[in-house]
Amino acid sequence: MSISDRLLGKKPANGKPHIDAVSPDCALPGGEVRIVGKSLRPPELKRPVVRFGDVEGSVLISSDEFVIARVPDGATSGPIVVGTNGSSSNPHAVKVAVPVADNLHPIANPALDREGNLYVTFSGSRGQKVPVSIFKIDINYKVTPFLSDLMNASAIAFDREGQMYVSSRHDEAVYQVAPNGTMSPYAQGMGVATGIAFDAEENLYVGDRSGTIFKIARDRQIFVFAMLEPSVSAYHLAFGPDGNMFVSGPSTSSFDSVYRVDPHGTVSVFYRGVGRPQGLALDIDGNVYVAASLGGRRGIVKITPDGKANLVVAGQGLVGLAFAPDKSAVLATNSAVYHISWNIEGRPLPE
């Protein structure tokens, strides 16, 4: 089939389905991917069969030139194939995230320490006392309770010495947590404290649902650093390589913004047009990755430094992510965490 025939939308002469692209090509089980190509639906208008390896996915929408399919449970990274009338398309590679742990309740990014151990909250509803506030998941995916007796653990961050800090949206406080799981207050009076992050000088920043970003100096003096619109649930913070802070926080709008705050506290809109943006992280090139919806599709949205956005991971219920040292990432939904080999290098932990 010639290039001109493709441009004119003609079907291959043999009617065999052909995949040109899959978007996004990374997904969680339950995520929705868009398959673009030719002859993707049988002539009698039946739905095609879409297989992720040996497992059949659900077809939500089908036409001759595109199919939207849901990644099934049990799918693994490998080829995706469209079948019509006994004919199979060319395979197209898709990466599927691997489940790590479930029965959790993170509301923000997970966090990794220098040894590669993963920490995830069980936050609970506001005011709810839960048996375990933070779980530790080691490099072999063994899950153990790490911290108890912290009401509504929200966000986790490590300083350059490896000290853990945790915010509580119930206690209006940030706590230091020792390696043995004992905790002590670090700063109080933070309102509904949610996202936390360190800058290059080791100042700690805390997002309050009222729209206030607090700055806590190393001597624990507290300043109001910046003011944004109130959020309906949380604020999430991350620093870029140029010292700018990036902030997300879902509002009542379905057309929310990711903000950029310069080192002087001046707020500007970095990108507008995502739905319910939550946890975010940056790679070494300054691209921002945020758990959000784009064009009605939920997942991880990549926003380039010049403000171009596209969905790079499909997945329902995503609330945050953390880059791992081996060019992979940990993705958190509101009930579970997943690991995906992604070939993206995240910003390193502070030295």
Protein backbone atom coordinates (compact mmCIF):
# COMPACT_ATOMS: atom_id res chain seq x y z
CA MET A 1 0.00 0.00 0.00
CA SER A 2 1.46 3.36 -1.01
CA ILE A 3 1.93 6.39 1.19
CA SER A 4 -0.60 8.32 -0.92
CA ASP A 5 -3.19 5.58 -0.37
CA ARG A 6 -2.64 5.84 3.37
CA LEU A 7 -3.05 9.60 3.26
CA LEU A 8 -6.32 9.14 1.39
CA GLY A 9 -7.56 6.70 4.02
CA LYS A 10 -7.72 3.67 1.74
CA LYS A 11 -7.72 0.21 3.30
CA PRO A 12 -4.97 -2.31 2.60
CA ALA A 13 -5.97 -4.48 -0.37
CA ASN A 14 -6.04 -7.64 1.74
CA GLY A 15 -8.19 -6.01 4.44
CA LYS A 16 -5.73 -7.06 7.11
CA PRO A 17 -5.71 -4.73 10.14
CA HIS A 18 -2.62 -2.58 10.58
CA ILE A 19 -1.47 -0.60 13.64
CA ASP A 20 0.34 2.68 13.00
CA ALA A 21 0.60 3.87 16.60
CA VAL A 22 -0.64 3.35 20.15
CA SER A 23 -1.12 6.32 22.47
CA PRO A 24 0.00 6.33 25.15
CA ASP A 25 2.28 3.32 24.87
CA CYS A 26 2.53 2.96 28.67
CA ALA A 27 -0.42 2.05 30.91
CA LEU A 28 -1.67 0.57 34.13
CA PRO A 29 -4.19 -2.27 34.12
CA GLY A 30 -7.52 -0.51 33.65
CA GLY A 31 -5.96 2.30 31.62
CA GLU A 32 -7.30 3.18 28.19
CA VAL A 33 -5.10 3.32 25.09
CA ARG A 34 -5.91 4.62 21.62
CA ILE A 35 -4.83 2.44 18.70
CA VAL A 36 -4.53 4.20 15.34
CA GLY A 37 -4.22 2.41 12.00
CA LYS A 38 -6.17 0.97 9.09
CA SER A 39 -8.85 -1.73 8.73
CA LEU A 40 -9.16 -2.00 12.51
CA ARG A 41 -12.83 -3.03 12.46
CA PRO A 42 -14.40 -5.97 10.61
CA PRO A 43 -16.53 -5.07 7.54
CA GLU A 44 -19.73 -6.28 9.25
CA LEU A 45 -19.18 -3.59 11.92
CA LYS A 46 -18.46 -6.05 14.70
CA ARG A 47 -15.94 -5.03 17.31
CA PRO A 48 -12.38 -6.22 16.79
CA VAL A 49 -10.43 -8.29 19.30
CA VAL A 50 -7.55 -6.52 21.01
CA ARG A 51 -4.95 -8.67 22.76
CA PHE A 52 -2.30 -7.50 25.16
CA GLY A 53 0.04 -10.45 24.84
CA ASP A 54 -2.16 -13.46 25.59
CA VAL A 55 -4.84 -11.50 27.45
CA GLU A 56 -7.83 -9.95 25.73
CA GLY A 57 -8.68 -6.34 26.54
CA SER A 58 -12.05 -4.60 26.48
CA VAL A 59 -12.87 -2.62 23.34
CA LEU A 60 -14.66 0.60 24.29
CA ILE A 61 -14.86 2.33 20.91
CA SER A 62 -13.97 0.97 17.48
CA SER A 63 -13.82 2.32 13.96
CA ASP A 64 -11.85 1.57 10.83
CA GLU A 65 -9.05 3.97 11.78
CA PHE A 66 -8.92 3.90 15.57
CA VAL A 67 -9.81 1.72 18.53
CA ILE A 68 -9.92 2.60 22.22
CA ALA A 69 -9.19 -0.41 24.40
CA ARG A 70 -8.84 -0.94 28.14
CA VAL A 71 -5.75 -2.75 29.42
CA PRO A 72 -6.92 -5.91 31.20
CA ASP A 73 -5.77 -7.23 34.57
CA GLY A 74 -2.98 -9.71 34.07
CA ALA A 75 -1.54 -7.94 31.05
CA THR A 76 2.24 -7.56 30.90
CA SER A 77 4.59 -5.46 28.82
CA GLY A 78 4.83 -6.73 25.26
CA PRO A 79 2.95 -6.69 21.96
CA ILE A 80 -0.57 -5.42 21.43
CA VAL A 81 -2.42 -6.92 18.42
CA VAL A 82 -5.78 -6.16 16.80
CA GLY A 83 -7.69 -9.07 15.29
CA THR A 84 -10.52 -8.93 12.73
CA ASN A 85 -12.16 -11.87 10.91
CA GLY A 86 -9.32 -14.22 11.75
CA SER A 87 -6.61 -11.78 10.61
CA SER A 88 -4.17 -10.23 13.07
CA SER A 89 -2.42 -6.90 12.78
CA ASN A 90 1.25 -6.22 13.14
CA PRO A 91 2.32 -6.19 16.82
CA HIS A 92 3.01 -2.89 18.57
CA ALA A 93 4.97 -2.70 21.83
CA VAL A 94 3.16 -1.46 24.95
CA LYS A 95 4.57 -1.18 28.48
CA VAL A 96 2.24 -2.23 31.29
CA ALA A 97 2.98 -1.27 34.90
CA VAL A 98 3.53 -4.11 37.37
CA PRO A 99 1.47 -4.14 40.59
CA VAL A 100 3.65 -3.77 43.70
CA ALA A 101 1.18 -3.45 46.60
CA ASP A 102 -2.51 -2.77 47.13
CA ASN A 103 -4.89 -2.01 50.00
CA LEU A 104 -3.19 1.36 50.47
CA HIS A 105 -4.48 4.92 50.47
CA PRO A 106 -1.92 7.39 49.14
CA ILE A 107 -3.10 10.90 48.33
CA ALA A 108 0.23 12.19 47.00
CA ASN A 109 3.55 10.96 45.61
CA PRO A 110 5.18 7.87 47.05
CA ALA A 111 8.80 8.40 48.16
CA LEU A 112 12.03 6.43 47.80
CA ASP A 113 15.04 6.52 50.10
CA ARG A 114 18.66 6.17 48.93
CA GLU A 115 18.57 2.38 49.31
CA GLY A 116 15.60 2.11 46.98
CA ASN A 117 13.01 1.38 49.66
CA LEU A 118 9.58 2.77 48.87
CA TYR A 119 7.29 4.50 51.37
CA VAL A 120 3.55 4.90 50.81
CA THR A 121 0.86 6.35 53.05
CA PHE A 122 -2.45 4.96 54.16
CA SER A 123 -3.99 8.37 54.67
CA GLY A 124 -7.61 7.53 55.43
CA SER A 125 -10.47 10.01 55.39
CA ARG A 126 -9.92 13.19 57.37
CA GLY A 127 -10.00 12.48 61.09
CA GLN A 128 -9.88 8.71 60.56
CA LYS A 129 -7.51 6.75 62.81
CA VAL A 130 -5.88 3.94 60.83
CA PRO A 131 -3.68 1.13 62.22
CA VAL A 132 -0.74 1.92 59.92
CA SER A 133 0.03 5.41 58.60
CA ILE A 134 2.99 4.56 56.33
CA PHE A 135 4.06 1.28 54.78
CA LYS A 136 7.62 0.42 53.73
CA ILE A 137 8.12 -1.63 50.56
CA ASP A 138 11.66 -2.96 50.13
CA ILE A 139 13.45 -3.66 46.85
CA ASN A 140 12.01 -7.19 46.85
CA TYR A 141 8.47 -5.77 47.12
CA LYS A 142 8.05 -6.96 50.69
CA VAL A 143 5.47 -4.74 52.41
CA THR A 144 5.82 -4.00 56.14
CA PRO A 145 4.21 -1.45 58.47
CA PHE A 146 6.61 1.44 59.12
CA LEU A 147 4.75 4.17 61.01
CA SER A 148 1.64 4.17 63.18
CA ASP A 149 -0.20 6.79 65.25
CA LEU A 150 0.02 9.58 62.67
CA MET A 151 -3.41 10.84 61.73
CA ASN A 152 -3.96 11.45 58.01
CA ALA A 153 -0.37 11.11 56.78
CA SER A 154 -0.32 13.11 53.56
CA ALA A 155 3.04 13.67 51.83
CA ILE A 156 6.54 12.29 52.37
CA ALA A 157 9.92 13.88 51.55
CA PHE A 158 13.57 13.16 52.36
CA ASP A 159 16.30 15.74 52.96
CA ARG A 160 19.87 15.25 51.70
CA GLU A 161 20.87 13.45 54.90
CA GLY A 162 18.15 10.90 54.31
CA GLN A 163 15.90 12.20 57.09
CA MET A 164 12.20 11.55 56.43
CA TYR A 165 9.55 14.24 56.82
CA VAL A 166 5.79 13.62 56.72
CA SER A 167 2.91 16.08 56.64
CA SER A 168 -0.43 15.56 58.39
CA ARG A 169 -3.48 17.27 57.02
CA HIS A 170 -5.21 16.55 60.34
CA ASP A 171 -2.58 17.87 62.77
CA GLU A 172 -1.62 20.95 60.71
CA ALA A 173 1.97 19.81 61.16
CA VAL A 174 5.08 18.28 59.61
CA TYR A 175 6.92 15.54 61.49
CA GLN A 176 10.45 14.14 61.38
CA VAL A 177 10.48 10.35 61.29
CA ALA A 178 13.50 8.32 62.41
CA PRO A 179 14.56 5.10 60.63
CA ASN A 180 12.97 3.07 63.44
CA GLY A 181 9.61 4.74 62.84
CA THR A 182 9.54 7.10 65.81
CA MET A 183 8.41 10.63 65.04
CA SER A 184 8.76 14.11 66.50
CA PRO A 185 7.13 17.44 65.50
CA TYR A 186 9.20 19.55 63.09
CA ALA A 187 6.82 22.45 62.35
CA GLN A 188 3.23 23.18 63.33
CA GLY A 189 0.44 25.56 62.37
CA MET A 190 0.55 24.69 58.66
CA GLY A 191 -3.22 24.70 58.12
CA VAL A 192 -4.36 21.60 56.20
CA ALA A 193 -0.78 20.56 55.45
CA THR A 194 -0.45 18.51 52.27
CA GLY A 195 2.43 18.54 49.76
CA ILE A 196 6.00 19.05 50.96
CA ALA A 197 9.33 19.50 49.13
CA PHE A 198 12.90 20.68 49.79
CA ASP A 199 14.78 23.27 47.74
CA ALA A 200 18.52 23.14 47.02
CA GLU A 201 19.28 25.05 50.25
CA GLU A 202 17.31 22.52 52.32
CA ASN A 203 14.43 24.84 53.10
CA LEU A 204 11.20 22.87 53.45
CA TYR A 205 8.03 24.05 51.70
CA VAL A 206 4.54 23.01 52.75
CA GLY A 207 1.29 23.42 50.81
CA ASP A 208 -1.88 24.31 52.70
CA ARG A 209 -5.32 23.74 51.18
CA SER A 210 -6.14 27.41 51.74
CA GLY A 211 -3.66 28.24 48.96
CA THR A 212 -0.74 29.22 51.17
CA ILE A 213 2.74 27.83 50.49
CA PHE A 214 4.81 27.99 53.67
CA LYS A 215 8.60 28.09 53.74
CA ILE A 216 10.36 26.56 56.75
CA ALA A 217 14.03 27.54 57.05
CA ARG A 218 16.61 25.16 58.53
CA ASP A 219 16.34 27.03 61.84
CA ARG A 220 12.58 26.26 61.68
CA GLN A 221 11.45 29.82 61.16
CA ILE A 222 8.21 29.81 59.19
CA PHE A 223 7.40 32.27 56.40
CA VAL A 224 4.53 32.65 53.96
CA PHE A 225 6.27 32.05 50.63
CA ALA A 226 3.45 32.25 48.06
CA MET A 227 -0.33 32.41 47.75
CA LEU A 228 -2.52 30.53 45.27
CA GLU A 229 -6.20 29.79 44.86
CA PRO A 230 -7.63 27.38 47.47
CA SER A 231 -7.58 23.67 46.54
CA VAL A 232 -10.43 21.24 47.12
CA SER A 233 -8.11 18.49 48.35
CA ALA A 234 -4.37 19.08 48.40
CA TYR A 235 -1.34 20.88 47.06
CA HIS A 236 1.60 19.00 45.55
CA LEU A 237 5.07 20.51 45.22
CA ALA A 238 8.24 19.71 43.27
CA PHE A 239 11.37 21.68 42.38
CA GLY A 240 12.93 22.00 38.95
CA PRO A 241 16.64 22.22 38.12
CA ASP A 242 16.45 26.03 37.82
CA GLY A 243 15.13 26.49 41.37
CA ASN A 244 11.54 27.12 40.33
CA MET A 245 8.83 25.33 42.26
CA PHE A 246 6.00 23.61 40.43
CA VAL A 247 2.66 23.32 42.20
CA SER A 248 -0.51 21.41 41.39
CA GLY A 249 -3.79 21.35 43.24
CA PRO A 250 -7.21 20.25 42.04
CA SER A 251 -9.99 22.81 42.25
CA THR A 252 -13.69 22.56 41.47
CA SER A 253 -12.84 23.19 37.81
CA SER A 254 -12.11 20.46 35.27
CA PHE A 255 -9.67 22.86 33.58
CA ASP A 256 -7.01 23.28 36.28
CA SER A 257 -3.50 24.70 36.20
CA VAL A 258 0.00 23.65 37.12
CA TYR A 259 1.73 26.70 38.59
CA ARG A 260 5.35 27.81 38.56
CA VAL A 261 6.67 29.77 41.56
CA ASP A 262 10.04 31.48 41.21
CA PRO A 263 12.55 31.67 44.10
CA HIS A 264 11.06 35.02 45.15
CA GLY A 265 7.54 33.60 45.52
CA THR A 266 6.10 35.06 42.32
CA VAL A 267 3.36 32.79 40.96
CA SER A 268 2.63 32.23 37.27
CA VAL A 269 0.61 29.65 35.34
CA PHE A 270 2.95 27.07 33.83
CA TYR A 271 0.22 25.07 32.09
CA ARG A 272 -3.56 25.34 32.10
CA GLY A 273 -5.88 22.62 30.86
CA VAL A 274 -5.50 19.52 33.05
CA GLY A 275 -8.20 17.94 35.21
CA ARG A 276 -7.66 17.33 38.93
CA PRO A 277 -3.84 17.55 38.88
CA GLN A 278 -2.22 15.87 41.86
CA GLY A 279 1.29 14.51 42.56
CA LEU A 280 4.06 15.66 40.25
CA ALA A 281 7.76 15.04 39.60
CA LEU A 282 10.45 16.25 37.20
CA ASP A 283 13.04 14.51 35.07
CA ILE A 284 16.62 15.71 34.57
CA ASP A 285 15.58 17.68 31.47
CA GLY A 286 13.03 19.76 33.38
CA ASN A 287 9.92 18.05 32.00
CA VAL A 288 7.06 17.97 34.51
CA TYR A 289 5.06 14.77 35.00
CA VAL A 290 1.74 15.14 36.82
CA ALA A 291 -1.05 12.72 37.72
CA ALA A 292 -4.02 14.35 35.99
CA SER A 293 -6.56 14.12 33.20
CA LEU A 294 -5.89 15.53 29.75
CA GLY A 295 -8.66 15.67 27.18
CA GLY A 296 -10.83 13.54 29.45
CA ARG A 297 -8.25 10.74 29.75
CA ARG A 298 -6.65 10.02 33.14
CA GLY A 299 -3.02 9.12 33.66
CA ILE A 300 0.40 10.75 33.82
CA VAL A 301 0.66 13.93 31.76
CA LYS A 302 4.07 15.13 30.58
CA ILE A 303 4.48 18.89 30.24
CA THR A 304 7.63 20.11 28.49
CA PRO A 305 9.48 23.26 29.63
CA ASP A 306 7.87 25.17 26.75
CA GLY A 307 4.38 24.16 27.87
CA LYS A 308 3.44 21.30 25.52
CA ALA A 309 1.42 18.52 27.17
CA ASN A 310 0.60 14.94 26.26
CA LEU A 311 -0.59 11.83 28.08
CA VAL A 312 2.33 9.42 28.52
CA VAL A 313 0.80 6.82 30.87
CA ALA A 314 -2.85 5.75 30.92
CA GLY A 315 -4.34 4.80 34.26
CA GLN A 316 -7.40 5.42 36.39
CA GLY A 317 -7.16 6.81 39.93
CA LEU A 318 -3.55 7.97 39.66
CA VAL A 319 -2.54 10.41 42.42
CA GLY A 320 1.25 10.61 42.13
CA LEU A 321 4.57 9.21 41.01
CA ALA A 322 8.23 8.97 41.95
CA PHE A 323 11.20 8.32 39.68
CA ALA A 324 13.50 5.46 40.66
CA PRO A 325 17.28 5.42 40.10
CA ASP A 326 17.19 2.71 37.39
CA LYS A 327 15.24 4.80 34.84
CA SER A 328 11.95 3.47 36.08
CA ALA A 329 9.10 4.96 38.08
CA VAL A 330 6.68 4.11 40.85
CA LEU A 331 3.09 5.11 40.12
CA ALA A 332 0.52 5.53 42.90
CA THR A 333 -3.24 5.24 42.54
CA ASN A 334 -5.64 5.98 45.37
CA SER A 335 -5.40 2.34 46.48
CA ALA A 336 -2.19 0.78 45.13
CA VAL A 337 1.31 1.29 43.77
CA TYR A 338 2.86 0.04 40.52
CA HIS A 339 6.33 -0.13 39.01
CA ILE A 340 7.09 0.63 35.37
CA SER A 341 10.33 0.46 33.39
CA TRP A 342 10.22 3.77 31.59
CA ASN A 343 13.72 4.77 30.38
CA ILE A 344 13.29 8.23 31.91
CA GLU A 345 15.82 9.60 34.36
CA GLY A 346 14.27 11.55 37.19
CA ARG A 347 15.87 14.39 39.11
CA PRO A 348 18.29 12.83 41.63
CA LEU A 349 17.86 13.08 45.39
CA PRO A 350 19.82 15.98 46.95
CA GLU A 351 23.48 15.22 47.66
